[in-house]
């Protein structure tokens, strides 16, 4: 019984580290996206269509970055 509880505790720790890592990656991606949008729209009048185009371009850049990583 002690061995089973030890194995379960190890799995719980492992999955908690995975979830923390995933959360940090998501937060970093959101920060990167927000900063990129702010940089591209600095001192400009922005229309909704422009934001959609920026979103598509940044999504492509993010895919390329993940592919090259």
PDB file of N, CA and C in Angstrom:
ATOM      1  N   UNK A   1       0.822  -1.200   0.000  1.00  0.00           N
ATOM      2  CA  UNK A   1       0.000   0.000   0.000  1.00  0.00           C
ATOM      3  C   UNK A   1       0.862   1.258   0.000  1.00  0.00           C
ATOM      4  N   UNK A   2       1.955   1.212   0.731  1.00  0.00           N
ATOM      5  CA  UNK A   2       2.848   2.361   0.806  1.00  0.00           C
ATOM      6  C   UNK A   2       3.481   2.645  -0.560  1.00  0.00           C
ATOM      7  N   UNK A   3       3.798   1.592  -1.302  1.00  0.00           N
ATOM      8  CA  UNK A   3       4.401   1.751  -2.630  1.00  0.00           C
ATOM      9  C   UNK A   3       3.406   2.393  -3.588  1.00  0.00           C
ATOM     10  N   UNK A   4       2.161   1.960  -3.534  1.00  0.00           N
ATOM     11  CA  UNK A   4       1.132   2.519  -4.412  1.00  0.00           C
ATOM     12  C   UNK A   4       0.913   3.993  -4.105  1.00  0.00           C
ATOM     13  N   UNK A   5       0.846   4.345  -2.840  1.00  0.00           N
ATOM     14  CA  UNK A   5       0.644   5.760  -2.491  1.00  0.00           C
ATOM     15  C   UNK A   5       1.852   6.599  -2.902  1.00  0.00           C
ATOM     16  N   UNK A   6       3.051   6.041  -2.838  1.00  0.00           N
ATOM     17  CA  UNK A   6       4.249   6.760  -3.291  1.00  0.00           C
ATOM     18  C   UNK A   6       4.195   6.989  -4.796  1.00  0.00           C
ATOM     19  N   UNK A   7       3.802   5.967  -5.551  1.00  0.00           N
ATOM     20  CA  UNK A   7       3.690   6.092  -7.008  1.00  0.00           C
ATOM     21  C   UNK A   7       2.631   7.129  -7.369  1.00  0.00           C
ATOM     22  N   UNK A   8       1.500   7.102  -6.690  1.00  0.00           N
ATOM     23  CA  UNK A   8       0.437   8.081  -6.944  1.00  0.00           C
ATOM     24  C   UNK A   8       0.931   9.490  -6.633  1.00  0.00           C
ATOM     25  N   UNK A   9       1.661   9.654  -5.544  1.00  0.00           N
ATOM     26  CA  UNK A   9       2.193  10.975  -5.186  1.00  0.00           C
ATOM     27  C   UNK A   9       3.163  11.474  -6.251  1.00  0.00           C
ATOM     28  N   UNK A  10       3.990  10.590  -6.786  1.00  0.00           N
ATOM     29  CA  UNK A  10       4.934  10.982  -7.845  1.00  0.00           C
ATOM     30  C   UNK A  10       4.175  11.432  -9.086  1.00  0.00           C
ATOM     31  N   UNK A  11       3.131  10.684  -9.473  1.00  0.00           N
ATOM     32  CA  UNK A  11       2.335  11.076 -10.636  1.00  0.00           C
ATOM     33  C   UNK A  11       1.635  12.415 -10.411  1.00  0.00           C
ATOM     34  N   UNK A  12       1.126  12.640  -9.218  1.00  0.00           N
ATOM     35  CA  UNK A  12       0.465  13.915  -8.912  1.00  0.00           C
ATOM     36  C   UNK A  12       1.458  15.067  -9.033  1.00  0.00           C
ATOM     37  N   UNK A  13       2.645  14.897  -8.498  1.00  0.00           N
ATOM     38  CA  UNK A  13       3.669  15.942  -8.616  1.00  0.00           C
ATOM     39  C   UNK A  13       4.050  16.180 -10.069  1.00  0.00           C
ATOM     40  N   UNK A  14       4.220  15.102 -10.822  1.00  0.00           N
ATOM     41  CA  UNK A  14       4.592  15.218 -12.232  1.00  0.00           C
ATOM     42  C   UNK A  14       3.538  16.001 -13.010  1.00  0.00           C
ATOM     43  N   UNK A  15       2.262  15.639 -12.837  1.00  0.00           N
ATOM     44  CA  UNK A  15       1.207  16.331 -13.565  1.00  0.00           C
ATOM     45  C   UNK A  15       1.014  17.766 -13.087  1.00  0.00           C
ATOM     46  N   UNK A  16       1.285  18.039 -11.830  1.00  0.00           N
ATOM     47  CA  UNK A  16       1.188  19.427 -11.370  1.00  0.00           C
ATOM     48  C   UNK A  16       2.292  20.273 -12.000  1.00  0.00           C
ATOM     49  N   UNK A  17       3.496  19.713 -12.137  1.00  0.00           N
ATOM     50  CA  UNK A  17       4.565  20.444 -12.820  1.00  0.00           C
ATOM     51  C   UNK A  17       4.227  20.667 -14.286  1.00  0.00           C
ATOM     52  N   UNK A  18       3.609  19.682 -14.927  1.00  0.00           N
ATOM     53  CA  UNK A  18       3.199  19.855 -16.318  1.00  0.00           C
ATOM     54  C   UNK A  18       2.171  20.965 -16.461  1.00  0.00           C
ATOM     55  N   UNK A  19       1.204  21.014 -15.560  1.00  0.00           N
ATOM     56  CA  UNK A  19       0.174  22.047 -15.657  1.00  0.00           C
ATOM     57  C   UNK A  19       0.753  23.430 -15.388  1.00  0.00           C
ATOM     58  N   UNK A  20       1.690  23.533 -14.458  1.00  0.00           N
ATOM     59  CA  UNK A  20       2.345  24.820 -14.195  1.00  0.00           C
ATOM     60  C   UNK A  20       3.134  25.262 -15.416  1.00  0.00           C
ATOM     61  N   UNK A  21       3.838  24.342 -16.042  1.00  0.00           N
ATOM     62  CA  UNK A  21       4.614  24.656 -17.241  1.00  0.00           C
ATOM     63  C   UNK A  21       3.702  25.110 -18.375  1.00  0.00           C
ATOM     64  N   UNK A  22       2.584  24.418 -18.562  1.00  0.00           N
ATOM     65  CA  UNK A  22       1.639  24.793 -19.611  1.00  0.00           C
ATOM     66  C   UNK A  22       1.045  26.169 -19.332  1.00  0.00           C
ATOM     67  N   UNK A  23       0.729  26.456 -18.083  1.00  0.00           N
ATOM     68  CA  UNK A  23       0.179  27.763 -17.726  1.00  0.00           C
ATOM     69  C   UNK A  23       1.188  28.868 -18.021  1.00  0.00           C
ATOM     70  N   UNK A  24       2.462  28.651 -17.664  1.00  0.00           N
ATOM     71  CA  UNK A  24       3.490  29.656 -17.927  1.00  0.00           C
ATOM     72  C   UNK A  24       3.675  29.865 -19.419  1.00  0.00           C
ATOM     73  N   UNK A  25       3.640  28.796 -20.211  1.00  0.00           N
ATOM     74  CA  UNK A  25       3.777  28.922 -21.657  1.00  0.00           C
ATOM     75  C   UNK A  25       2.619  29.724 -22.237  1.00  0.00           C
ATOM     76  N   UNK A  26       1.410  29.462 -21.743  1.00  0.00           N
ATOM     77  CA  UNK A  26       0.241  30.193 -22.235  1.00  0.00           C
ATOM     78  C   UNK A  26       0.354  31.668 -21.882  1.00  0.00           C
ATOM     79  N   UNK A  27       0.778  31.958 -20.663  1.00  0.00           N
ATOM     80  CA  UNK A  27       0.917  33.351 -20.237  1.00  0.00           C
ATOM     81  C   UNK A  27       1.992  34.063 -21.054  1.00  0.00           C
ATOM     82  N   UNK A  28       3.111  33.385 -21.325  1.00  0.00           N
ATOM     83  CA  UNK A  28       4.164  33.978 -22.140  1.00  0.00           C
ATOM     84  C   UNK A  28       3.666  34.252 -23.551  1.00  0.00           C
ATOM     85  N   UNK A  29       2.890  33.327 -24.106  1.00  0.00           N
ATOM     86  CA  UNK A  29       2.347  33.523 -25.449  1.00  0.00           C
ATOM     87  C   UNK A  29       1.384  34.703 -25.479  1.00  0.00           C
ATOM     88  N   UNK A  30       0.544  34.829 -24.457  1.00  0.00           N
ATOM     89  CA  UNK A  30      -0.383  35.961 -24.396  1.00  0.00           C
ATOM     90  C   UNK A  30       0.370  37.281 -24.265  1.00  0.00           C
ATOM     91  N   UNK A  31       1.405  37.311 -23.447  1.00  0.00           N
ATOM     92  CA  UNK A  31       2.209  38.527 -23.296  1.00  0.00           C
ATOM     93  C   UNK A  31       2.905  38.882 -24.600  1.00  0.00           C
ATOM     94  N   UNK A  32       3.449  37.873 -25.276  1.00  0.00           N
ATOM     95  CA  UNK A  32       4.133  38.105 -26.550  1.00  0.00           C
ATOM     96  C   UNK A  32       3.154  38.672 -27.571  1.00  0.00           C
ATOM     97  N   UNK A  33       1.945  38.098 -27.629  1.00  0.00           N
ATOM     98  CA  UNK A  33       0.927  38.560 -28.568  1.00  0.00           C
ATOM     99  C   UNK A  33       0.525  40.000 -28.258  1.00  0.00           C
ATOM    100  N   UNK A  34       0.271  40.283 -26.982  1.00  0.00           N
ATOM    101  CA  UNK A  34      -0.149  41.628 -26.585  1.00  0.00           C
ATOM    102  C   UNK A  34       0.932  42.656 -26.926  1.00  0.00           C
ATOM    103  N   UNK A  35       2.179  42.340 -26.605  1.00  0.00           N
ATOM    104  CA  UNK A  35       3.269  43.265 -26.898  1.00  0.00           C
ATOM    105  C   UNK A  35       3.457  43.457 -28.396  1.00  0.00           C
ATOM    106  N   UNK A  36       3.279  42.404 -29.173  1.00  0.00           N
ATOM    107  CA  UNK A  36       3.418  42.514 -30.624  1.00  0.00           C
ATOM    108  C   UNK A  36       2.329  43.395 -31.210  1.00  0.00           C
ATOM    109  N   UNK A  37       1.104  43.227 -30.732  1.00  0.00           N
ATOM    110  CA  UNK A  37       0.004  44.060 -31.224  1.00  0.00           C
ATOM    111  C   UNK A  37       0.248  45.515 -30.846  1.00  0.00           C
ATOM    112  N   UNK A  38       0.675  45.758 -29.611  1.00  0.00           N
ATOM    113  CA  UNK A  38       0.941  47.133 -29.187  1.00  0.00           C
ATOM    114  C   UNK A  38       2.060  47.756 -30.007  1.00  0.00           C
ATOM    115  N   UNK A  39       3.087  46.967 -30.320  1.00  0.00           N
ATOM    116  CA  UNK A  39       4.203  47.485 -31.109  1.00  0.00           C
ATOM    117  C   UNK A  39       3.759  47.825 -32.529  1.00  0.00           C
ATOM    118  N   UNK A  40       2.936  46.968 -33.121  1.00  0.00           N
ATOM    119  CA  UNK A  40       2.502  47.194 -34.499  1.00  0.00           C
ATOM    120  C   UNK A  40       1.473  48.313 -34.607  1.00  0.00           C
ATOM    121  N   UNK A  41       0.765  48.620 -33.533  1.00  0.00           N
ATOM    122  CA  UNK A  41      -0.283  49.634 -33.596  1.00  0.00           C
ATOM    123  C   UNK A  41       0.096  50.936 -32.894  1.00  0.00           C
ATOM    124  N   UNK A  42       1.350  51.051 -32.482  1.00  0.00           N
ATOM    125  CA  UNK A  42       1.781  52.245 -31.753  1.00  0.00           C
ATOM    126  C   UNK A  42       1.629  53.496 -32.625  1.00  0.00           C
ATOM    127  N   UNK A  43       0.991  54.515 -32.071  1.00  0.00           N
ATOM    128  CA  UNK A  43       0.802  55.815 -32.724  1.00  0.00           C
ATOM    129  C   UNK A  43       0.039  55.716 -34.041  1.00  0.00           C
ATOM    130  N   UNK A  44      -0.887  54.772 -34.148  1.00  0.00           N
ATOM    131  CA  UNK A  44      -1.679  54.620 -35.364  1.00  0.00           C
ATOM    132  C   UNK A  44      -3.154  54.564 -35.001  1.00  0.00           C
ATOM    133  N   UNK A  45      -3.986  54.987 -35.948  1.00  0.00           N
ATOM    134  CA  UNK A  45      -5.419  54.773 -35.815  1.00  0.00           C
ATOM    135  C   UNK A  45      -5.677  53.374 -36.364  1.00  0.00           C
ATOM    136  N   UNK A  46      -6.282  52.541 -35.552  1.00  0.00           N
ATOM    137  CA  UNK A  46      -6.437  51.140 -35.922  1.00  0.00           C
ATOM    138  C   UNK A  46      -7.902  50.828 -36.198  1.00  0.00           C
ATOM    139  N   UNK A  47      -8.140  50.134 -37.303  1.00  0.00           N
ATOM    140  CA  UNK A  47      -9.482  49.682 -37.640  1.00  0.00           C
ATOM    141  C   UNK A  47      -9.600  48.203 -37.286  1.00  0.00           C
ATOM    142  N   UNK A  48     -10.826  47.739 -37.177  1.00  0.00           N
ATOM    143  CA  UNK A  48     -11.064  46.333 -36.827  1.00  0.00           C
ATOM    144  C   UNK A  48     -10.428  45.407 -37.860  1.00  0.00           C
ATOM    145  N   UNK A  49     -10.524  45.743 -39.128  1.00  0.00           N
ATOM    146  CA  UNK A  49      -9.929  44.895 -40.168  1.00  0.00           C
ATOM    147  C   UNK A  49      -8.416  44.824 -40.007  1.00  0.00           C
ATOM    148  N   UNK A  50      -7.806  45.931 -39.600  1.00  0.00           N
ATOM    149  CA  UNK A  50      -6.361  45.937 -39.378  1.00  0.00           C
ATOM    150  C   UNK A  50      -5.986  44.995 -38.239  1.00  0.00           C
ATOM    151  N   UNK A  51      -6.783  44.997 -37.178  1.00  0.00           N
ATOM    152  CA  UNK A  51      -6.501  44.106 -36.051  1.00  0.00           C
ATOM    153  C   UNK A  51      -6.604  42.645 -36.464  1.00  0.00           C
ATOM    154  N   UNK A  52      -7.572  42.336 -37.321  1.00  0.00           N
ATOM    155  CA  UNK A  52      -7.707  40.959 -37.791  1.00  0.00           C
ATOM    156  C   UNK A  52      -6.495  40.561 -38.631  1.00  0.00           C
ATOM    157  N   UNK A  53      -6.030  41.461 -39.472  1.00  0.00           N
ATOM    158  CA  UNK A  53      -4.841  41.183 -40.287  1.00  0.00           C
ATOM    159  C   UNK A  53      -3.602  41.006 -39.403  1.00  0.00           C
ATOM    160  N   UNK A  54      -3.471  41.843 -38.396  1.00  0.00           N
ATOM    161  CA  UNK A  54      -2.348  41.720 -37.458  1.00  0.00           C
ATOM    162  C   UNK A  54      -2.422  40.383 -36.727  1.00  0.00           C
ATOM    163  N   UNK A  55      -3.627  39.997 -36.315  1.00  0.00           N
ATOM    164  CA  UNK A  55      -3.800  38.722 -35.611  1.00  0.00           C
ATOM    165  C   UNK A  55      -3.369  37.555 -36.491  1.00  0.00           C
ATOM    166  N   UNK A  56      -3.770  37.574 -37.761  1.00  0.00           N
ATOM    167  CA  UNK A  56      -3.402  36.492 -38.681  1.00  0.00           C
ATOM    168  C   UNK A  56      -1.894  36.457 -38.880  1.00  0.00           C
ATOM    169  N   UNK A  57      -1.279  37.617 -39.074  1.00  0.00           N
ATOM    170  CA  UNK A  57       0.176  37.668 -39.267  1.00  0.00           C
ATOM    171  C   UNK A  57       0.922  37.172 -38.032  1.00  0.00           C
ATOM    172  N   UNK A  58       0.478  37.585 -36.858  1.00  0.00           N
ATOM    173  CA  UNK A  58       1.141  37.140 -35.637  1.00  0.00           C
ATOM    174  C   UNK A  58       0.939  35.649 -35.397  1.00  0.00           C
ATOM    175  N   UNK A  59      -0.223  35.129 -35.782  1.00  0.00           N
ATOM    176  CA  UNK A  59      -0.462  33.696 -35.649  1.00  0.00           C
ATOM    177  C   UNK A  59       0.505  32.918 -36.537  1.00  0.00           C
ATOM    178  N   UNK A  60       0.724  33.408 -37.756  1.00  0.00           N
ATOM    179  CA  UNK A  60       1.679  32.753 -38.666  1.00  0.00           C
ATOM    180  C   UNK A  60       3.087  32.822 -38.090  1.00  0.00           C
ATOM    181  N   UNK A  61       3.479  33.973 -37.550  1.00  0.00           N
ATOM    182  CA  UNK A  61       4.807  34.098 -36.947  1.00  0.00           C
ATOM    183  C   UNK A  61       4.967  33.153 -35.762  1.00  0.00           C
ATOM    184  N   UNK A  62       3.920  33.021 -34.956  1.00  0.00           N
ATOM    185  CA  UNK A  62       3.985  32.121 -33.802  1.00  0.00           C
ATOM    186  C   UNK A  62       4.124  30.672 -34.248  1.00  0.00           C
ATOM    187  N   UNK A  63       3.408  30.293 -35.321  1.00  0.00           N
ATOM    188  CA  UNK A  63       3.529  28.926 -35.834  1.00  0.00           C
ATOM    189  C   UNK A  63       4.943  28.669 -36.346  1.00  0.00           C
ATOM    190  N   UNK A  64       5.514  29.641 -37.063  1.00  0.00           N
ATOM    191  CA  UNK A  64       6.881  29.491 -37.563  1.00  0.00           C
ATOM    192  C   UNK A  64       7.870  29.404 -36.409  1.00  0.00           C
ATOM    193  N   UNK A  65       7.658  30.204 -35.378  1.00  0.00           N
ATOM    194  CA  UNK A  65       8.548  30.185 -34.220  1.00  0.00           C
ATOM    195  C   UNK A  65       8.502  28.831 -33.524  1.00  0.00           C
ATOM    196  N   UNK A  66       7.295  28.299 -33.329  1.00  0.00           N
ATOM    197  CA  UNK A  66       7.161  26.994 -32.677  1.00  0.00           C
ATOM    198  C   UNK A  66       7.767  25.893 -33.538  1.00  0.00           C
ATOM    199  N   UNK A  67       7.633  26.021 -34.860  1.00  0.00           N
ATOM    200  CA  UNK A  67       8.183  25.013 -35.768  1.00  0.00           C
ATOM    201  C   UNK A  67       9.712  25.034 -35.750  1.00  0.00           C
ATOM    202  N   UNK A  68      10.295  26.227 -35.641  1.00  0.00           N
ATOM    203  CA  UNK A  68      11.756  26.366 -35.656  1.00  0.00           C
ATOM    204  C   UNK A  68      12.379  26.128 -34.295  1.00  0.00           C
ATOM    205  N   UNK A  69      11.584  26.098 -33.254  1.00  0.00           N
ATOM    206  CA  UNK A  69      12.083  25.960 -31.883  1.00  0.00           C
ATOM    207  C   UNK A  69      12.646  24.603 -31.610  1.00  0.00           C
TER     208      UNK A  69
END
